[in-house]
Protein backbone atom coordinates (compact mmCIF):
# COMPACT_ATOMS: atom_id res chain seq x y z
CA MET A 1 27.45 50.70 -3.66
CA SER A 2 28.52 49.81 -0.14
CA ASP A 3 24.94 50.38 1.02
CA ILE A 4 23.54 47.99 -1.54
CA SER A 5 25.88 45.02 -1.21
CA PRO A 6 24.81 43.85 2.26
CA SER A 7 21.18 44.04 1.21
CA ARG A 8 21.89 41.80 -1.77
CA SER A 9 23.92 39.41 0.35
CA GLY A 10 21.17 39.29 2.93
CA GLY A 11 18.61 38.65 0.22
CA ARG A 12 20.65 35.78 -1.17
CA ALA A 13 21.15 34.36 2.30
CA ALA A 14 17.45 34.58 3.02
CA ARG A 15 16.59 32.87 -0.24
CA ARG A 16 19.18 30.17 0.44
CA ALA A 17 17.75 29.61 3.92
CA ALA A 18 14.26 29.40 2.47
CA ARG A 19 15.42 26.80 -0.05
CA ASN A 20 17.07 24.72 2.69
CA ALA A 21 13.98 24.76 4.92
CA PRO A 22 11.60 21.78 4.69
CA LEU A 23 8.90 22.32 2.09
CA ALA A 24 5.27 22.56 3.12
CA GLN A 25 3.44 19.30 2.45
CA HIS A 26 1.46 20.70 -0.50
CA LEU A 27 4.68 21.97 -2.17
CA ARG A 28 6.69 18.75 -1.93
CA PRO A 29 7.50 17.22 -5.33
CA ILE A 30 6.05 13.90 -4.14
CA ARG A 31 3.51 13.18 -1.40
CA PRO A 32 0.67 10.82 -0.51
CA GLY A 33 -2.37 11.03 -2.75
CA LEU A 34 -0.74 12.25 -5.96
CA GLU A 35 -3.08 11.86 -8.93
CA GLY A 36 -2.25 8.99 -11.28
CA GLY A 37 -4.44 7.56 -13.99
CA THR A 38 -2.43 8.52 -17.08
CA TYR A 39 -1.51 4.91 -17.90
CA LYS A 40 -4.49 2.99 -19.30
CA PRO A 41 -3.70 -0.45 -20.70
CA LEU A 42 -7.42 -1.14 -21.16
CA SER A 43 -9.61 0.73 -23.64
CA GLU A 44 -13.18 1.71 -22.77
CA ALA A 45 -14.39 -1.23 -24.87
CA ASP A 46 -12.03 -3.55 -22.97
CA MET A 47 -13.41 -2.42 -19.61
CA GLN A 48 -16.98 -2.85 -20.79
CA ALA A 49 -16.15 -6.36 -21.97
CA ILE A 50 -14.55 -7.25 -18.61
CA HIS A 51 -17.56 -5.82 -16.80
CA ARG A 52 -20.04 -7.85 -18.90
CA ALA A 53 -18.00 -11.03 -18.39
CA ALA A 54 -17.84 -10.48 -14.62
CA LEU A 55 -21.61 -9.93 -14.42
CA GLU A 56 -22.22 -13.06 -16.48
CA ALA A 57 -19.93 -15.07 -14.20
CA LEU A 58 -21.81 -13.83 -11.13
CA GLU A 59 -25.22 -14.58 -12.66
CA GLU A 60 -24.40 -18.00 -14.11
CA ILE A 61 -21.55 -19.42 -12.00
CA GLY A 62 -21.88 -17.63 -8.68
CA LEU A 63 -19.85 -18.38 -5.57
CA ALA A 64 -19.91 -21.45 -3.33
CA ASP A 65 -19.31 -22.00 0.41
CA ALA A 66 -20.90 -18.90 1.94
CA PRO A 67 -21.45 -19.31 5.70
CA PRO A 68 -25.08 -19.53 6.89
CA SER A 69 -24.94 -15.92 8.08
CA GLY A 70 -23.61 -14.86 4.69
CA ILE A 71 -26.36 -16.73 2.88
CA ALA A 72 -28.92 -14.91 5.01
CA HIS A 73 -27.37 -11.50 4.33
CA LEU A 74 -26.94 -12.10 0.60
CA THR A 75 -30.33 -13.66 -0.13
CA GLY A 76 -31.93 -10.94 1.97
CA ALA A 77 -30.31 -8.42 -0.38
CA GLY A 78 -31.56 -10.22 -3.51
CA ALA A 79 -28.93 -12.88 -4.29
CA ILE A 80 -30.20 -16.34 -5.25
CA LEU A 81 -29.22 -19.57 -3.48
CA GLY A 82 -29.18 -22.42 -5.99
CA ASP A 83 -29.89 -26.10 -5.40
CA ASP A 84 -26.14 -26.65 -5.84
CA GLY A 85 -25.42 -24.41 -2.84
CA ARG A 86 -23.91 -21.62 -4.93
CA ILE A 87 -24.97 -18.01 -4.46
CA ARG A 88 -25.73 -16.21 -7.71
CA PHE A 89 -25.96 -12.47 -8.17
CA PRO A 90 -28.51 -10.85 -10.52
CA ARG A 91 -27.12 -7.99 -12.56
CA SER A 92 -29.59 -5.57 -10.96
CA LEU A 93 -28.30 -6.46 -7.46
CA VAL A 94 -24.72 -5.69 -8.46
CA GLU A 95 -25.74 -2.42 -10.07
CA ASP A 96 -27.81 -1.39 -7.03
CA THR A 97 -24.85 -2.20 -4.76
CA LEU A 98 -22.47 -0.11 -6.84
CA ALA A 99 -24.92 2.78 -6.57
CA MET A 100 -24.94 2.63 -2.74
CA ALA A 101 -21.30 1.66 -2.16
CA ASN A 102 -18.96 4.10 -0.46
CA ARG A 103 -17.19 6.06 -3.22
CA GLN A 104 -14.73 7.98 -1.04
CA ILE A 105 -13.01 6.53 2.02
CA THR A 106 -10.78 8.14 4.62
CA LEU A 107 -8.42 5.59 6.12
CA CYS A 108 -7.61 7.15 9.46
CA ALA A 109 -4.28 6.97 11.24
CA ARG A 110 -3.44 7.40 14.90
CA ASP A 111 -1.79 10.63 13.77
CA PRO A 112 -4.31 12.53 11.59
CA ALA A 113 -1.42 13.91 9.54
CA HIS A 114 -1.16 10.41 8.01
CA ASP A 115 -4.85 10.02 7.10
CA LEU A 116 -5.34 8.66 3.57
CA GLU A 117 -8.09 9.94 1.27
CA LEU A 118 -9.07 7.15 -1.11
CA GLY A 119 -10.98 7.64 -4.32
CA GLY A 120 -10.47 8.87 -7.85
CA ASN A 121 -6.86 8.43 -9.00
CA ARG A 122 -5.17 9.26 -5.66
CA VAL A 123 -2.15 7.00 -5.18
CA HIS A 124 -0.72 5.59 -1.93
CA PHE A 125 2.09 3.07 -1.45
CA GLY A 126 2.53 0.77 1.52
CA THR A 127 3.51 -2.65 2.83
CA ALA A 128 1.52 -5.87 3.05
CA GLY A 129 1.92 -9.62 2.88
CA ALA A 130 2.38 -12.60 5.14
CA ALA A 131 6.06 -13.39 4.74
CA VAL A 132 7.29 -16.27 6.92
CA HIS A 133 10.99 -15.46 6.59
CA MET A 134 13.26 -12.51 7.27
CA VAL A 135 15.92 -11.79 4.67
CA ASP A 136 19.37 -11.22 6.20
CA ALA A 137 20.80 -8.97 3.51
CA GLN A 138 24.30 -8.96 5.01
CA GLY A 139 24.51 -12.69 5.68
CA ARG A 140 22.62 -13.55 2.47
CA ASN A 141 20.33 -16.06 4.17
CA TYR A 142 16.77 -16.53 5.41
CA ARG A 143 15.42 -17.18 8.91
CA GLU A 144 11.94 -17.34 10.44
CA CYS A 145 10.50 -13.96 11.41
CA GLY A 146 9.10 -12.97 14.78
CA VAL A 147 7.19 -10.26 16.60
CA GLN A 148 10.32 -8.13 17.12
CA ASP A 149 10.93 -8.15 13.36
CA LEU A 150 7.36 -6.99 12.75
CA HIS A 151 7.67 -4.22 15.33
CA ASP A 152 10.98 -3.11 13.79
CA ALA A 153 9.39 -3.03 10.32
CA ALA A 154 6.59 -0.79 11.63
CA ARG A 155 9.14 1.49 13.29
CA ILE A 156 11.13 1.79 10.07
CA CYS A 157 7.97 2.49 8.03
CA ASP A 158 7.03 5.25 10.47
CA THR A 159 10.15 7.19 9.40
CA LEU A 160 9.84 6.66 5.63
CA ASP A 161 8.09 9.46 3.72
CA ASN A 162 7.05 7.31 0.77
CA ILE A 163 5.54 4.44 2.77
CA HIS A 164 2.07 5.83 3.39
CA PHE A 165 0.49 2.93 5.31
CA VAL A 166 1.63 -0.23 7.10
CA GLN A 167 -0.28 -3.39 6.41
CA ARG A 168 1.30 -6.28 8.30
CA PRO A 169 4.08 -7.56 6.00
CA MET A 170 4.98 -10.72 7.92
CA VAL A 171 3.59 -13.22 10.41
CA CYS A 172 4.96 -13.71 13.92
CA ARG A 173 6.33 -17.23 13.60
CA ASP A 174 7.56 -17.19 17.19
CA ILE A 175 4.00 -17.09 18.59
CA PRO A 176 2.32 -20.51 18.04
CA ASP A 177 -1.07 -19.54 19.51
CA ASN A 178 -3.07 -17.92 16.71
CA GLN A 179 -5.10 -15.59 18.92
CA GLU A 180 -1.99 -14.39 20.70
CA MET A 181 -0.33 -13.90 17.30
CA ASP A 182 -3.25 -11.73 16.12
CA LEU A 183 -3.17 -9.62 19.29
CA ASN A 184 0.60 -9.22 19.22
CA THR A 185 0.45 -8.21 15.57
CA ILE A 186 -1.79 -5.29 16.56
CA PHE A 187 0.41 -4.36 19.51
CA ALA A 188 3.66 -4.58 17.52
CA CYS A 189 2.35 -2.48 14.63
CA CYS A 190 0.52 0.15 16.67
CA SER A 191 3.48 0.68 18.99
CA GLY A 192 5.73 1.06 15.95
CA THR A 193 3.85 3.49 13.70
CA THR A 194 1.15 6.15 13.82
CA LYS A 195 0.29 5.54 10.15
CA HIS A 196 -2.78 3.57 9.07
CA ILE A 197 -2.37 -0.15 9.76
CA GLY A 198 -3.86 -3.22 8.11
CA THR A 199 -4.03 -6.69 9.64
CA SER A 200 -5.79 -10.05 9.38
CA PHE A 201 -7.58 -12.24 11.91
CA THR A 202 -7.25 -16.00 11.99
CA GLU A 203 -10.73 -16.75 13.36
CA PRO A 204 -13.92 -14.74 13.92
CA ALA A 205 -13.81 -15.57 17.63
CA PHE A 206 -10.58 -13.56 17.91
CA VAL A 207 -12.13 -10.29 16.74
CA PRO A 208 -13.77 -9.18 20.05
CA LYS A 209 -10.49 -9.26 22.00
CA ALA A 210 -8.74 -7.45 19.17
CA LEU A 211 -11.39 -4.73 19.21
CA GLU A 212 -11.00 -4.49 22.98
CA MET A 213 -7.29 -3.77 22.48
CA LEU A 214 -7.99 -1.22 19.77
CA HIS A 215 -10.55 0.55 21.99
CA MET A 216 -7.91 0.85 24.71
CA ILE A 217 -5.34 2.25 22.27
CA ALA A 218 -7.89 4.72 20.85
CA GLY A 219 -9.04 5.87 24.29
CA GLY A 220 -12.49 4.29 24.18
CA GLU A 221 -14.89 2.58 21.78
CA ASP A 222 -16.44 5.89 20.79
CA LYS A 223 -13.06 7.31 19.79
CA TRP A 224 -12.23 4.12 17.88
CA ARG A 225 -15.48 4.24 15.92
CA GLU A 226 -14.93 7.92 15.17
CA ARG A 227 -11.42 7.30 13.80
CA PRO A 228 -10.72 3.59 13.11
CA PHE A 229 -6.96 3.55 12.46
CA MET A 230 -6.78 -0.12 11.48
CA SER A 231 -8.41 -1.98 8.57
CA ASN A 232 -9.00 -5.69 8.08
CA SER A 233 -7.26 -7.36 5.17
CA ASN A 234 -9.83 -10.01 4.42
CA CYS A 235 -9.28 -12.93 2.03
CA PHE A 236 -13.04 -13.47 1.78
CA VAL A 237 -12.71 -15.73 -1.26
CA VAL A 238 -10.79 -18.88 -2.09
CA PRO A 239 -10.38 -18.59 -5.87
CA PRO A 240 -11.85 -19.74 -8.11
CA MET A 241 -15.28 -18.40 -7.14
CA LYS A 242 -15.69 -19.76 -3.60
CA PHE A 243 -16.24 -17.86 -0.39
CA ALA A 244 -13.71 -18.45 2.40
CA THR A 245 -16.20 -19.39 5.12
CA GLU A 246 -14.25 -18.35 8.23
CA SER A 247 -12.90 -15.18 6.62
CA CYS A 248 -16.45 -14.16 5.73
CA GLU A 249 -17.42 -14.56 9.38
CA VAL A 250 -14.41 -12.44 10.35
CA MET A 251 -15.58 -9.83 7.84
CA GLU A 252 -19.05 -9.69 9.39
CA ALA A 253 -17.51 -9.28 12.85
CA VAL A 254 -15.17 -6.44 11.88
CA ILE A 255 -17.94 -4.62 10.00
CA GLU A 256 -19.99 -4.76 13.20
CA GLY A 257 -16.94 -3.45 15.04
CA GLY A 258 -16.58 -0.43 12.73
CA MET A 259 -13.40 -1.52 10.98
CA PRO A 260 -12.82 -0.77 7.26
CA VAL A 261 -12.41 -3.87 5.08
CA LEU A 262 -10.03 -4.71 2.27
CA LEU A 263 -11.87 -7.22 0.06
CA LEU A 264 -8.91 -9.29 -1.10
CA SER A 265 -9.19 -11.63 -4.09
CA ALA A 266 -5.80 -13.21 -4.81
CA GLY A 267 -6.16 -15.74 -7.60
CA MET A 268 -3.05 -17.20 -9.24
CA ALA A 269 -3.23 -16.86 -13.03
CA GLY A 270 -2.96 -20.32 -14.56
CA ALA A 271 -3.75 -22.13 -11.29
CA THR A 272 -6.65 -20.61 -9.35
CA ALA A 273 -7.53 -17.98 -11.98
CA PRO A 274 -7.55 -18.03 -15.79
CA SER A 275 -4.04 -17.91 -17.27
CA THR A 276 -4.70 -14.87 -19.46
CA VAL A 277 -4.29 -11.37 -18.06
CA ALA A 278 -7.82 -10.42 -19.11
CA GLY A 279 -9.35 -13.60 -17.70
CA ALA A 280 -7.58 -13.21 -14.35
CA ILE A 281 -8.90 -9.65 -14.11
CA VAL A 282 -12.45 -10.82 -14.94
CA GLN A 283 -12.43 -13.37 -12.12
CA ALA A 284 -10.90 -10.94 -9.59
CA VAL A 285 -13.49 -8.29 -10.52
CA ALA A 286 -16.35 -10.79 -10.26
CA GLU A 287 -15.19 -12.00 -6.85
CA CYS A 288 -14.74 -8.47 -5.51
CA LEU A 289 -18.15 -7.40 -6.83
CA ALA A 290 -19.58 -10.34 -4.88
CA GLY A 291 -17.66 -9.14 -1.83
CA LEU A 292 -18.97 -5.61 -2.28
CA VAL A 293 -22.54 -6.94 -2.35
CA TYR A 294 -21.78 -8.92 0.81
CA VAL A 295 -20.37 -5.92 2.71
CA ASN A 296 -23.26 -3.66 1.75
CA ALA A 297 -25.78 -6.36 2.60
CA VAL A 298 -24.32 -6.43 6.12
CA LYS A 299 -24.06 -2.64 6.42
CA PRO A 300 -24.88 -0.33 3.49
CA GLY A 301 -22.10 2.12 2.73
CA HIS A 302 -19.53 0.48 5.01
CA PRO A 303 -15.97 1.45 3.94
CA ALA A 304 -14.61 -1.31 1.72
CA ILE A 305 -11.60 -1.37 -0.60
CA PHE A 306 -12.03 -3.24 -3.89
CA GLY A 307 -8.94 -5.44 -3.53
CA THR A 308 -8.33 -7.17 -6.84
CA TRP A 309 -4.96 -8.91 -6.30
CA PRO A 310 -4.50 -11.45 -9.10
CA PHE A 311 -0.94 -12.78 -9.25
CA GLY A 312 1.14 -14.09 -12.12
CA LEU A 313 2.47 -17.64 -12.43
CA ASP A 314 5.52 -19.04 -14.22
CA LEU A 315 3.79 -21.82 -16.16
CA ARG A 316 7.10 -23.64 -16.66
CA SER A 317 7.65 -24.22 -12.95
CA GLY A 318 4.49 -23.22 -11.09
CA ALA A 319 6.39 -20.47 -9.26
CA MET A 320 4.72 -17.14 -8.56
CA THR A 321 5.95 -14.26 -10.73
CA GLY A 322 5.29 -11.19 -8.59
CA GLY A 323 8.07 -9.26 -10.29
CA SER A 324 6.99 -9.88 -13.89
CA GLY A 325 5.66 -7.58 -16.59
CA GLU A 326 2.46 -9.64 -16.53
CA GLN A 327 2.03 -8.79 -12.83
CA ALA A 328 2.46 -5.11 -13.61
CA LEU A 329 -0.25 -5.37 -16.28
CA LEU A 330 -2.59 -7.29 -13.98
CA THR A 331 -2.31 -4.58 -11.34
CA ALA A 332 -2.67 -1.68 -13.76
CA GLY A 333 -5.68 -3.29 -15.45
CA CYS A 334 -7.34 -3.90 -12.09
CA ALA A 335 -6.76 -0.25 -11.12
CA GLN A 336 -8.59 0.81 -14.26
CA MET A 337 -11.54 -1.36 -13.28
CA HIS A 338 -11.65 0.31 -9.85
CA LYS A 339 -12.08 3.63 -11.67
CA PHE A 340 -14.63 2.09 -14.04
CA TYR A 341 -16.80 1.30 -11.02
CA GLY A 342 -15.88 4.49 -9.18
CA VAL A 343 -14.94 2.68 -5.96
CA PRO A 344 -11.75 2.89 -3.87
CA GLY A 345 -9.44 0.08 -4.90
CA GLY A 346 -6.18 -1.62 -4.11
CA ALA A 347 -3.83 -4.08 -5.75
CA ALA A 348 -0.37 -5.56 -5.29
CA ALA A 349 2.85 -4.24 -6.80
CA GLY A 350 6.52 -3.88 -5.89
CA ILE A 351 7.04 -7.61 -5.27
CA ALA A 352 10.46 -9.10 -6.00
CA ASP A 353 10.91 -12.72 -6.95
CA SER A 354 14.62 -12.15 -6.30
CA LYS A 355 15.80 -13.52 -2.97
CA LEU A 356 17.96 -10.50 -2.09
CA PRO A 357 17.89 -6.71 -2.68
CA ASP A 358 19.91 -6.92 -5.88
CA MET A 359 19.58 -5.71 -9.48
CA GLN A 360 16.82 -8.24 -10.24
CA ALA A 361 14.86 -6.98 -7.24
CA GLY A 362 15.31 -3.41 -8.45
CA TRP A 363 13.85 -3.97 -11.90
CA GLU A 364 11.04 -6.15 -10.57
CA GLN A 365 10.00 -3.69 -7.86
CA MET A 366 10.21 -0.59 -10.04
CA CYS A 367 8.34 -2.04 -13.03
CA SER A 368 5.10 -2.82 -11.22
CA ASN A 369 5.29 0.10 -8.77
CA VAL A 370 5.58 2.63 -11.60
CA MET A 371 2.78 1.06 -13.63
CA ALA A 372 0.50 0.74 -10.60
CA GLY A 373 1.11 4.38 -9.69
CA LEU A 374 0.62 5.66 -13.24
CA SER A 375 -2.65 3.70 -13.45
CA GLY A 376 -3.98 5.61 -10.43
CA CYS A 377 -4.32 2.68 -8.03
CA ASN A 378 -5.50 4.08 -4.68
CA MET A 379 -3.73 1.55 -2.43
CA ILE A 380 -0.60 -0.16 -3.72
CA TYR A 381 0.17 -3.01 -1.36
CA GLU A 382 3.41 -4.99 -0.90
CA ALA A 383 5.26 -2.08 -2.53
CA ALA A 384 8.49 -2.40 -0.53
CA GLY A 385 10.50 -5.03 1.29
CA MET A 386 8.97 -8.19 -0.23
CA HIS A 387 11.23 -10.88 -1.70
CA ALA A 388 11.08 -14.51 -2.85
CA SER A 389 7.57 -14.10 -4.25
CA LEU A 390 6.21 -12.92 -0.86
CA LEU A 391 7.99 -15.55 1.24
CA GLY A 392 10.67 -13.18 2.56
CA PHE A 393 10.72 -9.66 4.00
CA CYS A 394 13.82 -7.49 4.26
CA HIS A 395 14.29 -4.39 6.42
CA GLU A 396 17.10 -3.08 4.21
CA SER A 397 14.96 -3.56 1.12
CA LEU A 398 12.14 -1.67 2.83
CA ILE A 399 14.48 1.30 3.33
CA LEU A 400 15.77 1.12 -0.24
CA GLY A 401 12.17 0.78 -1.44
CA ASP A 402 11.43 4.20 0.00
CA ASP A 403 13.93 5.68 -2.47
CA LEU A 404 12.54 3.55 -5.30
CA ILE A 405 8.94 4.55 -4.60
CA GLY A 406 10.04 8.19 -4.48
CA GLN A 407 11.15 7.92 -8.09
CA ALA A 408 7.95 6.06 -8.99
CA LEU A 409 5.89 8.85 -7.42
CA ARG A 410 7.80 11.42 -9.44
CA CYS A 411 6.68 9.54 -12.55
CA VAL A 412 3.11 9.58 -11.24
CA ARG A 413 3.24 13.34 -10.73
CA GLY A 414 4.08 13.78 -14.41
CA ILE A 415 4.97 16.94 -16.32
CA GLU A 416 3.47 20.32 -15.44
CA VAL A 417 3.08 22.61 -18.45
CA ASN A 418 2.44 26.31 -17.77
CA ASP A 419 4.03 29.68 -18.51
CA GLU A 420 6.58 29.27 -15.73
CA THR A 421 7.62 25.70 -16.58
CA LEU A 422 7.80 26.43 -20.33
CA ALA A 423 10.64 28.77 -19.28
CA LEU A 424 10.73 31.15 -22.25
CA ASP A 425 11.70 34.07 -20.00
CA GLN A 426 14.61 32.05 -18.65
CA MET A 427 15.72 31.19 -22.17
CA ARG A 428 15.72 34.90 -23.14
CA GLN A 429 17.72 35.91 -20.05
CA VAL A 430 20.29 33.13 -20.42
CA CYS A 431 20.72 33.22 -24.19
CA LEU A 432 20.46 36.96 -24.94
CA GLY A 433 23.40 38.46 -23.11
CA GLY A 434 23.25 36.07 -20.19
CA PRO A 435 25.75 33.45 -18.98
CA GLY A 436 24.76 30.83 -21.57
CA HIS A 437 23.74 28.25 -18.96
CA TYR A 438 21.03 27.81 -16.35
CA LEU A 439 23.21 26.77 -13.43
CA GLY A 440 22.68 29.05 -10.46
CA THR A 441 19.87 31.11 -11.96
CA GLU A 442 17.15 32.16 -9.55
CA GLN A 443 14.57 30.12 -11.44
CA THR A 444 16.70 26.97 -11.31
CA LEU A 445 17.43 27.38 -7.62
CA SER A 446 13.86 28.25 -6.71
CA ARG A 447 12.48 25.09 -8.33
CA MET A 448 15.20 22.58 -7.47
CA GLU A 449 13.21 21.28 -4.49
CA LEU A 450 9.81 21.66 -6.15
CA ASP A 451 10.55 19.68 -9.31
CA HIS A 452 13.22 17.17 -8.35
CA VAL A 453 13.29 14.13 -6.08
CA TYR A 454 16.67 13.37 -4.54
CA PRO A 455 17.40 9.83 -3.36
CA ALA A 456 18.29 9.41 0.29
CA LEU A 457 20.57 6.41 -0.30
CA GLY A 458 20.91 6.13 -4.07
CA ASP A 459 24.43 7.10 -5.22
CA ARG A 460 24.89 9.81 -7.86
CA SER A 461 28.55 10.60 -7.26
CA SER A 462 31.20 10.40 -9.99
CA PRO A 463 33.43 7.30 -10.08
CA LYS A 464 36.26 9.41 -8.61
CA GLU A 465 34.09 10.70 -5.76
CA TRP A 466 32.69 7.23 -5.17
CA ASP A 467 36.22 5.86 -4.86
CA GLU A 468 37.25 8.66 -2.49
CA LEU A 469 34.21 7.96 -0.31
CA GLY A 470 35.32 4.37 0.15
CA LYS A 471 33.11 2.85 -2.57
CA PRO A 472 29.90 2.94 -0.50
CA ASP A 473 27.59 -0.04 -0.92
CA LEU A 474 23.80 0.36 -1.01
CA ILE A 475 23.10 -2.53 1.33
CA GLU A 476 25.65 -1.29 3.85
CA LYS A 477 24.09 2.19 3.70
CA ALA A 478 20.61 0.74 4.21
CA THR A 479 21.82 -1.34 7.16
CA ALA A 480 23.38 1.74 8.74
CA ARG A 481 20.11 3.63 8.27
CA LYS A 482 18.17 0.72 9.81
CA ASP A 483 20.46 0.68 12.84
CA GLN A 484 20.07 4.45 13.20
CA ILE A 485 16.25 4.22 13.14
CA LEU A 486 16.06 1.29 15.53
CA GLY A 487 18.60 2.89 17.85
CA GLN A 488 16.13 5.64 18.71
CA ARG A 489 12.89 5.45 20.67
CA SER A 490 9.87 4.94 18.45
CA ALA A 491 7.82 8.10 17.97
CA ALA A 492 4.73 5.85 18.03
CA SER A 493 5.50 4.36 21.46
CA PHE A 494 2.53 4.10 23.78
CA ASP A 495 2.19 6.22 26.87
CA PRO A 496 3.76 4.16 29.72
CA MET A 497 0.45 3.87 31.57
CA LEU A 498 -1.32 2.64 28.44
CA GLU A 499 1.43 0.16 27.66
CA LYS A 500 1.29 -1.17 31.23
CA ALA A 501 -2.49 -1.59 30.95
CA LEU A 502 -2.20 -3.37 27.61
CA ARG A 503 0.45 -5.75 28.90
CA GLU A 504 -1.71 -6.56 31.92
CA ALA A 505 -4.81 -7.15 29.79
CA PHE A 506 -3.25 -9.17 26.96
CA PRO A 507 -0.49 -11.76 26.53
CA ILE A 508 2.10 -9.47 24.92
CA HIS A 509 5.24 -11.22 23.66
CA LEU A 510 7.12 -8.16 22.41
CA PRO A 511 9.85 -7.28 24.96
CA VAL A 512 9.61 -3.88 26.59
CA GLN A 513 11.52 -1.56 24.31
């Protein structure tokens, strides 16, 4: 017996050590690119009806205000310029475009470990937006945001497992020159995270200098074109059914520069889009189909994300309702239409109308994030940190959102049913002469990290334990985590020689970190 005991102890110790070791990426209970698509608010007949209505809108109504270059591209592809100046799209042109459009996209990151494979029902959560205020969660007030706040947000995102990409969530209000703001946005984000980044450009004339900066960061234009780690969030339309002239010119410039494009249609249901959920989806789909024709007329097969972002509206007050059930349905319905067309798509979710990270923010953020994930939306934008209907961004809420999205991703992963998970062998061992419970069994211990997601900051202690721990507060815990992250050097920091070269070549406002 004495010979056997150490062996058993060593075996238990080895198994315990194995359980405590970080799981391989493919074994983690949640991870980027989990397959959604189980939630389908639209029937097949519904999707066909939306498709027919969108085609009819494109054929009969069309879009106004295309720039001269856009008119040339679109009419060259087969669109029709009417006497009223509107561009109309024959059904055959839309169908031909869908046949040639890029069906699978890899959004590259500076670190290839963070590359995102878009297509099918693969789900990714990230930030986005153009908030003009920072939310001070401790002081319970708002202030204008600046380039340091943006850099800090990117640094925080770089450490959060469930934030898979970083589209610029706020504007640098401390930089009045628009070109300098665009360049500093790139610098602040790229020096803060090695994940894929999204940004916008104010004017087409600003794109060449931005590409020059990106070429330097990548190590040359050839390396940039091989692995473009930044995409352009492009509001190419001004709903309802008008092209945004300057944004279209930006889009042409970034396509030429090899940058993936998010075709972003953001109508407001009841104001700049029909008030019904179905009608808002029809208009967003029609506008994005027009955008897809535009992109492929400029460069066939160029990577483009079908960005249907219709937003809800409180018709009593005119306020945006980003945290409503209607918003969740808009996003989920749009995700189904992405799958209907078989193109990579994105939509907005996780927005809080609440001004602070409180209970209202929790229910608003979780409702739409879960439904967007279950619907299989490829790119879920604005998923964490956004408050006051996109007017405010909060670092603490971003950190808490990582926990929230973790639970949403667990819902996306769903229930695995197989011989092991049905657990009949466990039931026999436990019930027939066993201990009568499953606590501590090898099967329970071996799957505790595979099946379960444990919150980093969420509190699951008993009331007694909570009291003994000093009644920890979620916001205080998130602030402490923020301070810990920002107290360390960013893992995405540029090589000193590169940073020196960038600061000499461009008007960088971010202080040396």
